């Protein structure tokens, strides 16, 4: 939502953006892994343009 990672990832993986957002929230709540993964995917998104 903030940087467009979930929408970008949903087009690449053929999942709905809603499910990917839920996964990121769960990863943030259970261990904080979602924040790091989100920024890594954002960086990859920037490089792939």
PDB file of N, CA and C in Angstrom:
ATOM      1  N   UNK A   1       0.822  -1.193   0.000  1.00  0.00           N
ATOM      2  CA  UNK A   1       0.000   0.000   0.000  1.00  0.00           C
ATOM      3  C   UNK A   1       0.866   1.257   0.000  1.00  0.00           C
ATOM      4  N   UNK A   2       1.914   1.233   0.781  1.00  0.00           N
ATOM      5  CA  UNK A   2       2.726   2.439   0.897  1.00  0.00           C
ATOM      6  C   UNK A   2       3.633   2.600  -0.316  1.00  0.00           C
ATOM      7  N   UNK A   3       4.354   1.558  -0.657  1.00  0.00           N
ATOM      8  CA  UNK A   3       5.318   1.634  -1.752  1.00  0.00           C
ATOM      9  C   UNK A   3       4.900   0.830  -2.976  1.00  0.00           C
ATOM     10  N   UNK A   4       3.759   0.185  -2.928  1.00  0.00           N
ATOM     11  CA  UNK A   4       3.269  -0.563  -4.075  1.00  0.00           C
ATOM     12  C   UNK A   4       3.837  -1.961  -4.216  1.00  0.00           C
ATOM     13  N   UNK A   5       4.464  -2.457  -3.170  1.00  0.00           N
ATOM     14  CA  UNK A   5       5.103  -3.775  -3.242  1.00  0.00           C
ATOM     15  C   UNK A   5       4.068  -4.885  -3.362  1.00  0.00           C
ATOM     16  N   UNK A   6       3.001  -4.806  -2.620  1.00  0.00           N
ATOM     17  CA  UNK A   6       2.009  -5.883  -2.628  1.00  0.00           C
ATOM     18  C   UNK A   6       1.323  -6.007  -3.983  1.00  0.00           C
ATOM     19  N   UNK A   7       0.988  -4.893  -4.591  1.00  0.00           N
ATOM     20  CA  UNK A   7       0.380  -4.951  -5.924  1.00  0.00           C
ATOM     21  C   UNK A   7       1.363  -5.491  -6.955  1.00  0.00           C
ATOM     22  N   UNK A   8       2.597  -5.032  -6.883  1.00  0.00           N
ATOM     23  CA  UNK A   8       3.634  -5.507  -7.806  1.00  0.00           C
ATOM     24  C   UNK A   8       3.870  -7.000  -7.634  1.00  0.00           C
ATOM     25  N   UNK A   9       3.950  -7.445  -6.375  1.00  0.00           N
ATOM     26  CA  UNK A   9       4.181  -8.855  -6.099  1.00  0.00           C
ATOM     27  C   UNK A   9       2.985  -9.707  -6.508  1.00  0.00           C
ATOM     28  N   UNK A  10       1.787  -9.166  -6.389  1.00  0.00           N
ATOM     29  CA  UNK A  10       0.598  -9.934  -6.775  1.00  0.00           C
ATOM     30  C   UNK A  10       0.564 -10.178  -8.283  1.00  0.00           C
ATOM     31  N   UNK A  11       1.050  -9.234  -9.066  1.00  0.00           N
ATOM     32  CA  UNK A  11       1.090  -9.459 -10.509  1.00  0.00           C
ATOM     33  C   UNK A  11       2.173 -10.462 -10.892  1.00  0.00           C
ATOM     34  N   UNK A  12       3.258 -10.487 -10.136  1.00  0.00           N
ATOM     35  CA  UNK A  12       4.355 -11.420 -10.421  1.00  0.00           C
ATOM     36  C   UNK A  12       4.018 -12.852  -9.999  1.00  0.00           C
ATOM     37  N   UNK A  13       3.298 -13.014  -8.877  1.00  0.00           N
ATOM     38  CA  UNK A  13       3.060 -14.330  -8.307  1.00  0.00           C
ATOM     39  C   UNK A  13       1.655 -14.865  -8.552  1.00  0.00           C
ATOM     40  N   UNK A  14       0.786 -14.091  -9.171  1.00  0.00           N
ATOM     41  CA  UNK A  14      -0.592 -14.492  -9.450  1.00  0.00           C
ATOM     42  C   UNK A  14      -1.405 -14.782  -8.181  1.00  0.00           C
ATOM     43  N   UNK A  15      -1.119 -14.055  -7.097  1.00  0.00           N
ATOM     44  CA  UNK A  15      -1.919 -14.102  -5.883  1.00  0.00           C
ATOM     45  C   UNK A  15      -2.653 -12.780  -5.773  1.00  0.00           C
ATOM     46  N   UNK A  16      -3.682 -12.734  -4.949  1.00  0.00           N
ATOM     47  CA  UNK A  16      -4.365 -11.462  -4.755  1.00  0.00           C
ATOM     48  C   UNK A  16      -3.536 -10.579  -3.823  1.00  0.00           C
ATOM     49  N   UNK A  17      -3.603  -9.283  -4.050  1.00  0.00           N
ATOM     50  CA  UNK A  17      -2.840  -8.340  -3.238  1.00  0.00           C
ATOM     51  C   UNK A  17      -3.309  -8.375  -1.781  1.00  0.00           C
ATOM     52  N   UNK A  18      -4.573  -8.667  -1.586  1.00  0.00           N
ATOM     53  CA  UNK A  18      -5.118  -8.743  -0.232  1.00  0.00           C
ATOM     54  C   UNK A  18      -4.438  -9.847   0.569  1.00  0.00           C
ATOM     55  N   UNK A  19      -4.248 -11.011  -0.037  1.00  0.00           N
ATOM     56  CA  UNK A  19      -3.596 -12.112   0.660  1.00  0.00           C
ATOM     57  C   UNK A  19      -2.135 -11.804   0.951  1.00  0.00           C
ATOM     58  N   UNK A  20      -1.477 -11.118   0.051  1.00  0.00           N
ATOM     59  CA  UNK A  20      -0.080 -10.758   0.278  1.00  0.00           C
ATOM     60  C   UNK A  20       0.026  -9.734   1.402  1.00  0.00           C
ATOM     61  N   UNK A  21      -0.897  -8.784   1.463  1.00  0.00           N
ATOM     62  CA  UNK A  21      -0.892  -7.807   2.558  1.00  0.00           C
ATOM     63  C   UNK A  21      -1.129  -8.486   3.903  1.00  0.00           C
ATOM     64  N   UNK A  22      -2.031  -9.428   3.941  1.00  0.00           N
ATOM     65  CA  UNK A  22      -2.299 -10.171   5.178  1.00  0.00           C
ATOM     66  C   UNK A  22      -1.049 -10.933   5.608  1.00  0.00           C
ATOM     67  N   UNK A  23      -0.352 -11.531   4.652  1.00  0.00           N
ATOM     68  CA  UNK A  23       0.876 -12.260   4.959  1.00  0.00           C
ATOM     69  C   UNK A  23       1.931 -11.332   5.533  1.00  0.00           C
ATOM     70  N   UNK A  24       2.098 -10.142   4.945  1.00  0.00           N
ATOM     71  CA  UNK A  24       3.072  -9.189   5.474  1.00  0.00           C
ATOM     72  C   UNK A  24       2.714  -8.759   6.890  1.00  0.00           C
ATOM     73  N   UNK A  25       1.446  -8.517   7.160  1.00  0.00           N
ATOM     74  CA  UNK A  25       1.030  -8.113   8.502  1.00  0.00           C
ATOM     75  C   UNK A  25       1.312  -9.226   9.506  1.00  0.00           C
ATOM     76  N   UNK A  26       1.010 -10.463   9.132  1.00  0.00           N
ATOM     77  CA  UNK A  26       1.288 -11.580  10.028  1.00  0.00           C
ATOM     78  C   UNK A  26       2.782 -11.746  10.271  1.00  0.00           C
ATOM     79  N   UNK A  27       3.590 -11.559   9.239  1.00  0.00           N
ATOM     80  CA  UNK A  27       5.038 -11.650   9.409  1.00  0.00           C
ATOM     81  C   UNK A  27       5.572 -10.543  10.309  1.00  0.00           C
ATOM     82  N   UNK A  28       4.971  -9.372  10.235  1.00  0.00           N
ATOM     83  CA  UNK A  28       5.391  -8.270  11.113  1.00  0.00           C
ATOM     84  C   UNK A  28       5.005  -8.572  12.553  1.00  0.00           C
ATOM     85  N   UNK A  29       3.812  -9.084  12.769  1.00  0.00           N
ATOM     86  CA  UNK A  29       3.355  -9.374  14.122  1.00  0.00           C
ATOM     87  C   UNK A  29       4.114 -10.533  14.762  1.00  0.00           C
ATOM     88  N   UNK A  30       4.495 -11.512  13.977  1.00  0.00           N
ATOM     89  CA  UNK A  30       5.176 -12.690  14.507  1.00  0.00           C
ATOM     90  C   UNK A  30       6.643 -12.692  14.112  1.00  0.00           C
ATOM     91  N   UNK A  31       7.402 -11.814  14.712  1.00  0.00           N
ATOM     92  CA  UNK A  31       8.837 -11.845  14.524  1.00  0.00           C
ATOM     93  C   UNK A  31       9.426 -10.662  13.796  1.00  0.00           C
ATOM     94  N   UNK A  32       8.640  -9.821  13.187  1.00  0.00           N
ATOM     95  CA  UNK A  32       9.150  -8.643  12.522  1.00  0.00           C
ATOM     96  C   UNK A  32       9.819  -8.890  11.182  1.00  0.00           C
ATOM     97  N   UNK A  33       9.679 -10.081  10.618  1.00  0.00           N
ATOM     98  CA  UNK A  33      10.328 -10.393   9.352  1.00  0.00           C
ATOM     99  C   UNK A  33       9.694  -9.668   8.170  1.00  0.00           C
ATOM    100  N   UNK A  34       8.464  -9.262   8.310  1.00  0.00           N
ATOM    101  CA  UNK A  34       7.760  -8.622   7.213  1.00  0.00           C
ATOM    102  C   UNK A  34       8.339  -7.270   6.829  1.00  0.00           C
ATOM    103  N   UNK A  35       8.875  -6.541   7.796  1.00  0.00           N
ATOM    104  CA  UNK A  35       9.431  -5.215   7.509  1.00  0.00           C
ATOM    105  C   UNK A  35      10.661  -5.339   6.621  1.00  0.00           C
ATOM    106  N   UNK A  36      11.554  -6.222   6.987  1.00  0.00           N
ATOM    107  CA  UNK A  36      12.753  -6.428   6.186  1.00  0.00           C
ATOM    108  C   UNK A  36      12.438  -6.968   4.810  1.00  0.00           C
ATOM    109  N   UNK A  37      11.535  -7.931   4.745  1.00  0.00           N
ATOM    110  CA  UNK A  37      11.151  -8.509   3.457  1.00  0.00           C
ATOM    111  C   UNK A  37      10.486  -7.458   2.579  1.00  0.00           C
ATOM    112  N   UNK A  38       9.673  -6.591   3.176  1.00  0.00           N
ATOM    113  CA  UNK A  38       8.988  -5.543   2.414  1.00  0.00           C
ATOM    114  C   UNK A  38       9.994  -4.603   1.770  1.00  0.00           C
ATOM    115  N   UNK A  39      11.001  -4.163   2.532  1.00  0.00           N
ATOM    116  CA  UNK A  39      11.990  -3.235   1.987  1.00  0.00           C
ATOM    117  C   UNK A  39      12.913  -3.897   0.975  1.00  0.00           C
ATOM    118  N   UNK A  40      13.223  -5.165   1.170  1.00  0.00           N
ATOM    119  CA  UNK A  40      14.024  -5.886   0.177  1.00  0.00           C
ATOM    120  C   UNK A  40      13.250  -6.008  -1.126  1.00  0.00           C
ATOM    121  N   UNK A  41      11.972  -6.359  -1.047  1.00  0.00           N
ATOM    122  CA  UNK A  41      11.147  -6.464  -2.253  1.00  0.00           C
ATOM    123  C   UNK A  41      10.940  -5.108  -2.916  1.00  0.00           C
ATOM    124  N   UNK A  42      10.861  -4.044  -2.119  1.00  0.00           N
ATOM    125  CA  UNK A  42      10.744  -2.702  -2.691  1.00  0.00           C
ATOM    126  C   UNK A  42      12.001  -2.348  -3.477  1.00  0.00           C
ATOM    127  N   UNK A  43      13.165  -2.706  -2.931  1.00  0.00           N
ATOM    128  CA  UNK A  43      14.428  -2.445  -3.626  1.00  0.00           C
ATOM    129  C   UNK A  43      14.506  -3.241  -4.924  1.00  0.00           C
ATOM    130  N   UNK A  44      14.072  -4.496  -4.891  1.00  0.00           N
ATOM    131  CA  UNK A  44      14.059  -5.323  -6.100  1.00  0.00           C
ATOM    132  C   UNK A  44      13.100  -4.723  -7.125  1.00  0.00           C
ATOM    133  N   UNK A  45      11.964  -4.229  -6.652  1.00  0.00           N
ATOM    134  CA  UNK A  45      10.997  -3.598  -7.558  1.00  0.00           C
ATOM    135  C   UNK A  45      11.615  -2.385  -8.242  1.00  0.00           C
ATOM    136  N   UNK A  46      12.356  -1.586  -7.488  1.00  0.00           N
ATOM    137  CA  UNK A  46      13.004  -0.417  -8.076  1.00  0.00           C
ATOM    138  C   UNK A  46      14.043  -0.802  -9.121  1.00  0.00           C
ATOM    139  N   UNK A  47      14.779  -1.858  -8.860  1.00  0.00           N
ATOM    140  CA  UNK A  47      15.815  -2.297  -9.800  1.00  0.00           C
ATOM    141  C   UNK A  47      15.231  -2.922 -11.061  1.00  0.00           C
ATOM    142  N   UNK A  48      14.022  -3.449 -10.986  1.00  0.00           N
ATOM    143  CA  UNK A  48      13.448  -4.149 -12.126  1.00  0.00           C
ATOM    144  C   UNK A  48      12.745  -3.217 -13.118  1.00  0.00           C
ATOM    145  N   UNK A  49      12.685  -1.937 -12.827  1.00  0.00           N
ATOM    146  CA  UNK A  49      12.015  -1.006 -13.741  1.00  0.00           C
ATOM    147  C   UNK A  49      12.816  -0.739 -14.952  1.00  0.00           C
TER     148      UNK A  49
END
